[in-house]
Amino acid sequence: MKRNPLFLLLLFGTFILCLPHPAQSLTLTFGDTHNYWPGWGNGSRDDSQDTIGDPDFTGGTITVEGAFLKQITFSFKEWESGTTWGKLHPGDLFLDVDSDDQWEYVVYSGNWSLYSVDLPLNSATGYLTSGRDNQGYWAGYLIRDDHPIGLGEQPADSALLGTVEFTGWRTPELTFDFGSSIALTLPTDLTLGFTVNCANDVVYETVRVHTPEPASMLLLGTGLVGLAGWAKRRKGQKPQA
C-alpha cells in the first residue's frame, strides 16, 4: 500500500511535537536612544546631551530562556583608567516587565540582591539621585544633575527574591545573570533603566520580548513548506499512461 506523503509528514510532525524539548533561548538587542529617563530632564543643557564626559553606553542585549529573563548586558564604547573612571560606581538596575511606567524589579547594587518593588517611574521620593555639578563628591566634575541612579533606600527583606551575578565592572561590558528569578508573561514589553553614579550617560530602553520558538516548530514549518512545494509540482504533472 502506497503511503500518502502528507500523512507521513503529519505523523512525523506529531512525533516531534510530543518529544521533550529544552528551553529555547532568545537574545534581543537594544541601543541607547534616551538622554534621560522620561520625565527626568533637569531643564539644563544636560538634557540635550547623550553623554557628559564618561562613560558612553552603546546599548546591550537581553537574553530570555523559555519564559525566564536570564541575562542583561550593557556595553560601553570603552573603559579607561584614571581619576575620573576611578570615581565611577554602578547604579541599581530597574526593570519594568509590562511597560506600565512602574518598576517591578530592582537589582540593588549594594549587594546585587534582586527585589520586588512597586515604584513609579516619576516617583519624587523613591530614588537616590546623582547630585550636582562641582558639589560634594563631584567637586571639580560635571555630571548629569539630579537624575535617578538607584533606590532611595534598600527594600525590606520580605521583598528579596534572590541574588544576581554581576560581572564586568571596569571592562567595556557589564553582565547581570538572573538565573531563574524572573518569570515573564510573554509576549511583553520589557523596559530597563540603568546608569552609573554620575548619570553621565543613562540607559532607558523598551524591548519587545516574544516567545522563543522551539526548534521542533521550525523543523516542522520547514517540512510543511517543502510539502507545499512538492504538492504544487505534483499538481502540475500530467498523469502517466
Protein backbone atom coordinates (compact mmCIF):
# COMPACT_ATOMS: atom_id res chain seq x y z
CA MET A 1 0.00 0.00 0.00
CA LYS A 2 1.42 3.38 -1.01
CA ARG A 3 1.60 5.89 1.84
CA ASN A 4 0.30 9.42 1.34
CA PRO A 5 3.27 11.84 1.83
CA LEU A 6 1.02 14.28 3.69
CA PHE A 7 0.03 11.56 6.16
CA LEU A 8 3.67 10.65 6.74
CA LEU A 9 4.68 14.27 7.32
CA LEU A 10 1.85 14.87 9.78
CA LEU A 11 2.77 11.68 11.61
CA PHE A 12 6.39 12.83 11.81
CA GLY A 13 5.33 16.29 13.00
CA THR A 14 3.17 14.81 15.76
CA PHE A 15 6.09 12.67 16.90
CA ILE A 16 8.44 15.69 17.01
CA LEU A 17 5.98 17.80 19.00
CA CYS A 18 5.50 15.04 21.57
CA LEU A 19 9.20 14.85 22.34
CA PRO A 20 10.55 16.74 25.40
CA HIS A 21 12.26 19.96 24.33
CA PRO A 22 14.92 22.00 26.11
CA ALA A 23 14.03 25.62 26.89
CA GLN A 24 14.66 27.80 23.89
CA SER A 25 16.90 30.86 24.14
CA LEU A 26 16.21 34.25 22.60
CA THR A 27 18.69 37.14 22.51
CA LEU A 28 17.47 40.66 21.71
CA THR A 29 19.47 43.85 21.30
CA PHE A 30 18.82 47.39 22.49
CA GLY A 31 20.53 50.71 21.90
CA ASP A 32 20.99 53.96 23.81
CA THR A 33 18.33 56.32 22.49
CA HIS A 34 17.41 58.45 25.52
CA ASN A 35 19.40 61.31 27.01
CA TYR A 36 17.49 60.94 30.30
CA TRP A 37 14.68 58.83 31.69
CA PRO A 38 11.21 60.12 30.66
CA GLY A 39 10.20 62.94 32.98
CA TRP A 40 13.69 63.30 34.43
CA GLY A 41 15.15 66.13 32.38
CA ASN A 42 16.58 68.87 34.58
CA GLY A 43 15.97 71.84 32.29
CA SER A 44 19.67 72.49 31.69
CA ARG A 45 21.96 71.79 28.76
CA ASP A 46 22.32 68.28 30.19
CA ASP A 47 19.01 67.42 28.51
CA SER A 48 20.45 67.88 25.01
CA GLN A 49 23.49 65.66 25.63
CA ASP A 50 23.52 61.90 25.44
CA THR A 51 26.89 61.69 27.18
CA ILE A 52 28.54 64.11 29.60
CA GLY A 53 32.16 63.01 29.90
CA ASP A 54 32.46 59.33 30.81
CA PRO A 55 31.22 56.65 30.37
CA ASP A 56 29.48 56.22 26.99
CA PHE A 57 26.91 53.42 26.79
CA THR A 58 26.29 52.00 23.32
CA GLY A 59 23.50 49.51 24.11
CA GLY A 60 23.38 45.86 25.04
CA THR A 61 21.47 42.58 24.90
CA ILE A 62 18.64 40.80 26.71
CA THR A 63 18.57 37.00 26.84
CA VAL A 64 15.37 35.08 27.56
CA GLU A 65 15.26 31.30 28.02
CA GLY A 66 11.82 29.76 27.93
CA ALA A 67 9.79 32.31 29.88
CA PHE A 68 12.63 33.42 32.15
CA LEU A 69 14.77 36.53 31.91
CA LYS A 70 18.26 35.07 32.05
CA GLN A 71 20.75 37.84 31.33
CA ILE A 72 21.17 41.52 30.53
CA THR A 73 24.42 43.00 29.24
CA PHE A 74 25.39 46.66 28.86
CA SER A 75 28.18 47.77 26.56
CA PHE A 76 30.42 50.82 26.89
CA LYS A 77 32.23 52.41 23.98
CA GLU A 78 35.41 51.94 26.00
CA TRP A 79 36.70 51.66 29.55
CA GLU A 80 39.74 53.65 30.53
CA SER A 81 41.78 54.24 33.66
CA GLY A 82 42.39 57.49 35.50
CA THR A 83 40.93 59.67 38.22
CA THR A 84 37.57 60.19 36.51
CA TRP A 85 36.97 56.49 35.92
CA GLY A 86 38.03 55.67 39.46
CA LYS A 87 35.13 57.73 40.84
CA LEU A 88 32.50 55.74 38.95
CA HIS A 89 30.29 53.11 40.56
CA PRO A 90 27.40 51.11 39.08
CA GLY A 91 23.88 52.22 39.90
CA ASP A 92 20.87 49.99 40.50
CA LEU A 93 19.22 48.17 37.60
CA PHE A 94 15.48 48.87 37.26
CA LEU A 95 13.08 46.60 35.35
CA ASP A 96 9.51 47.23 34.22
CA VAL A 97 8.26 43.91 32.85
CA ASP A 98 4.91 45.11 31.47
CA SER A 99 5.72 48.66 30.33
CA ASP A 100 3.30 50.42 32.69
CA ASP A 101 5.76 53.07 33.95
CA GLN A 102 6.12 51.17 37.23
CA TRP A 103 9.36 49.41 38.14
CA GLU A 104 8.58 45.85 39.30
CA TYR A 105 12.14 44.66 39.96
CA VAL A 106 15.36 46.28 41.10
CA VAL A 107 18.87 44.86 41.32
CA TYR A 108 20.34 46.67 44.31
CA SER A 109 23.98 47.48 43.62
CA GLY A 110 24.94 47.48 47.28
CA ASN A 111 24.87 43.68 47.41
CA TRP A 112 23.45 42.64 43.99
CA SER A 113 20.22 41.43 45.55
CA LEU A 114 17.08 41.24 43.43
CA TYR A 115 13.99 42.83 44.97
CA SER A 116 10.35 43.01 44.03
CA VAL A 117 9.22 46.64 44.12
CA ASP A 118 6.33 48.84 43.04
CA LEU A 119 7.99 52.14 42.20
CA PRO A 120 6.58 54.68 39.75
CA LEU A 121 8.99 55.98 37.13
CA ASN A 122 8.14 59.54 38.20
CA SER A 123 8.41 58.96 41.97
CA ALA A 124 9.62 62.12 43.70
CA THR A 125 10.87 60.32 46.81
CA GLY A 126 11.87 56.78 45.81
CA TYR A 127 15.26 57.41 44.21
CA LEU A 128 18.83 58.18 45.10
CA THR A 129 19.92 60.81 42.57
CA SER A 130 23.24 61.74 41.02
CA GLY A 131 23.88 65.05 42.79
CA ARG A 132 25.07 68.34 41.29
CA ASP A 133 27.99 69.66 39.26
CA ASN A 134 31.02 70.67 41.36
CA GLN A 135 29.37 69.76 44.65
CA GLY A 136 30.31 67.25 47.33
CA TYR A 137 31.63 64.00 45.84
CA TRP A 138 31.55 65.63 42.39
CA ALA A 139 33.61 68.72 43.27
CA GLY A 140 35.61 69.55 40.16
CA TYR A 141 33.43 67.42 37.86
CA LEU A 142 30.49 67.98 35.53
CA ILE A 143 27.72 65.38 35.75
CA ARG A 144 24.06 64.96 34.80
CA ASP A 145 22.35 66.73 37.69
CA ASP A 146 19.54 65.27 39.79
CA HIS A 147 18.93 62.08 37.80
CA PRO A 148 17.95 58.75 39.40
CA ILE A 149 20.85 56.35 39.87
CA GLY A 150 19.35 53.92 42.39
CA LEU A 151 16.79 53.32 45.10
CA GLY A 152 16.48 55.83 47.90
CA GLU A 153 16.81 53.02 50.43
CA GLN A 154 17.28 49.27 50.43
CA PRO A 155 13.96 47.35 50.34
CA ALA A 156 12.78 45.16 53.19
CA ASP A 157 13.90 41.54 53.37
CA SER A 158 10.33 40.47 52.61
CA ALA A 159 10.80 41.81 49.06
CA LEU A 160 14.01 39.85 48.48
CA LEU A 161 13.83 37.40 45.57
CA GLY A 162 17.43 36.25 45.34
CA THR A 163 20.87 37.33 44.24
CA VAL A 164 22.01 38.37 40.77
CA GLU A 165 25.51 37.66 39.50
CA PHE A 166 27.10 40.92 38.34
CA THR A 167 30.36 40.84 36.38
CA GLY A 168 32.46 43.02 34.11
CA TRP A 169 32.98 46.20 36.12
CA ARG A 170 35.99 48.11 34.78
CA THR A 171 35.59 46.39 31.40
CA PRO A 172 33.62 47.52 28.31
CA GLU A 173 30.76 45.10 29.09
CA LEU A 174 28.65 44.66 32.22
CA THR A 175 26.61 41.48 32.72
CA PHE A 176 23.68 40.71 35.02
CA ASP A 177 22.83 36.99 35.31
CA PHE A 178 19.39 36.33 36.81
CA GLY A 179 19.23 32.54 36.90
CA SER A 180 15.52 31.70 37.10
CA SER A 181 14.48 34.55 39.40
CA ILE A 182 12.26 36.47 36.96
CA ALA A 183 9.49 34.71 35.04
CA LEU A 184 8.00 36.79 32.24
CA THR A 185 4.49 36.64 30.82
CA LEU A 186 5.21 36.53 27.10
CA PRO A 187 4.90 38.36 24.84
CA THR A 188 5.65 41.55 26.74
CA ASP A 189 7.40 44.90 26.51
CA LEU A 190 10.38 44.88 28.87
CA THR A 191 11.71 48.29 29.93
CA LEU A 192 15.07 48.66 31.63
CA GLY A 193 16.71 51.62 33.32
CA PHE A 194 20.36 51.81 34.29
CA THR A 195 23.21 54.25 34.76
CA VAL A 196 26.30 54.84 36.87
CA ASN A 197 26.55 57.13 39.89
CA CYS A 198 27.20 60.31 37.87
CA ALA A 199 24.36 59.61 35.38
CA ASN A 200 26.63 61.00 32.65
CA ASP A 201 25.04 58.53 30.25
CA VAL A 202 21.80 56.77 31.13
CA VAL A 203 20.02 53.82 29.54
CA TYR A 204 16.25 53.69 29.27
CA GLU A 205 15.06 51.24 26.64
CA THR A 206 11.96 49.15 25.90
CA VAL A 207 12.34 45.83 24.08
CA ARG A 208 9.52 43.68 22.72
CA VAL A 209 10.07 40.16 24.01
CA HIS A 210 8.20 37.39 22.23
CA THR A 211 8.00 33.69 23.00
CA PRO A 212 11.10 31.80 21.82
CA GLU A 213 10.20 29.32 19.07
CA PRO A 214 11.14 25.67 19.79
CA ALA A 215 13.47 24.17 17.21
CA SER A 216 10.85 21.46 16.55
CA MET A 217 8.39 24.07 15.34
CA LEU A 218 10.96 25.48 12.96
CA LEU A 219 11.69 21.99 11.67
CA LEU A 220 8.00 21.24 11.22
CA GLY A 221 7.46 24.56 9.47
CA THR A 222 10.29 23.82 7.07
CA GLY A 223 8.75 20.43 6.32
CA LEU A 224 5.35 21.94 5.61
CA VAL A 225 6.86 24.48 3.26
CA GLY A 226 8.63 21.66 1.46
CA LEU A 227 5.42 19.67 1.24
CA ALA A 228 3.57 22.64 -0.23
CA GLY A 229 6.21 22.94 -2.93
CA TRP A 230 6.05 19.20 -3.65
CA ALA A 231 2.26 19.27 -3.89
CA LYS A 232 2.38 22.22 -6.27
CA ARG A 233 4.84 20.45 -8.54
CA ARG A 234 2.83 17.24 -8.42
CA LYS A 235 -0.35 19.07 -9.32
CA GLY A 236 1.30 20.42 -12.44
CA GLN A 237 2.42 16.99 -13.66
CA LYS A 238 0.41 15.12 -16.28
CA PRO A 239 -0.76 11.63 -15.30
CA GLN A 240 1.36 8.81 -16.70
CA ALA A 241 -0.28 6.40 -19.14
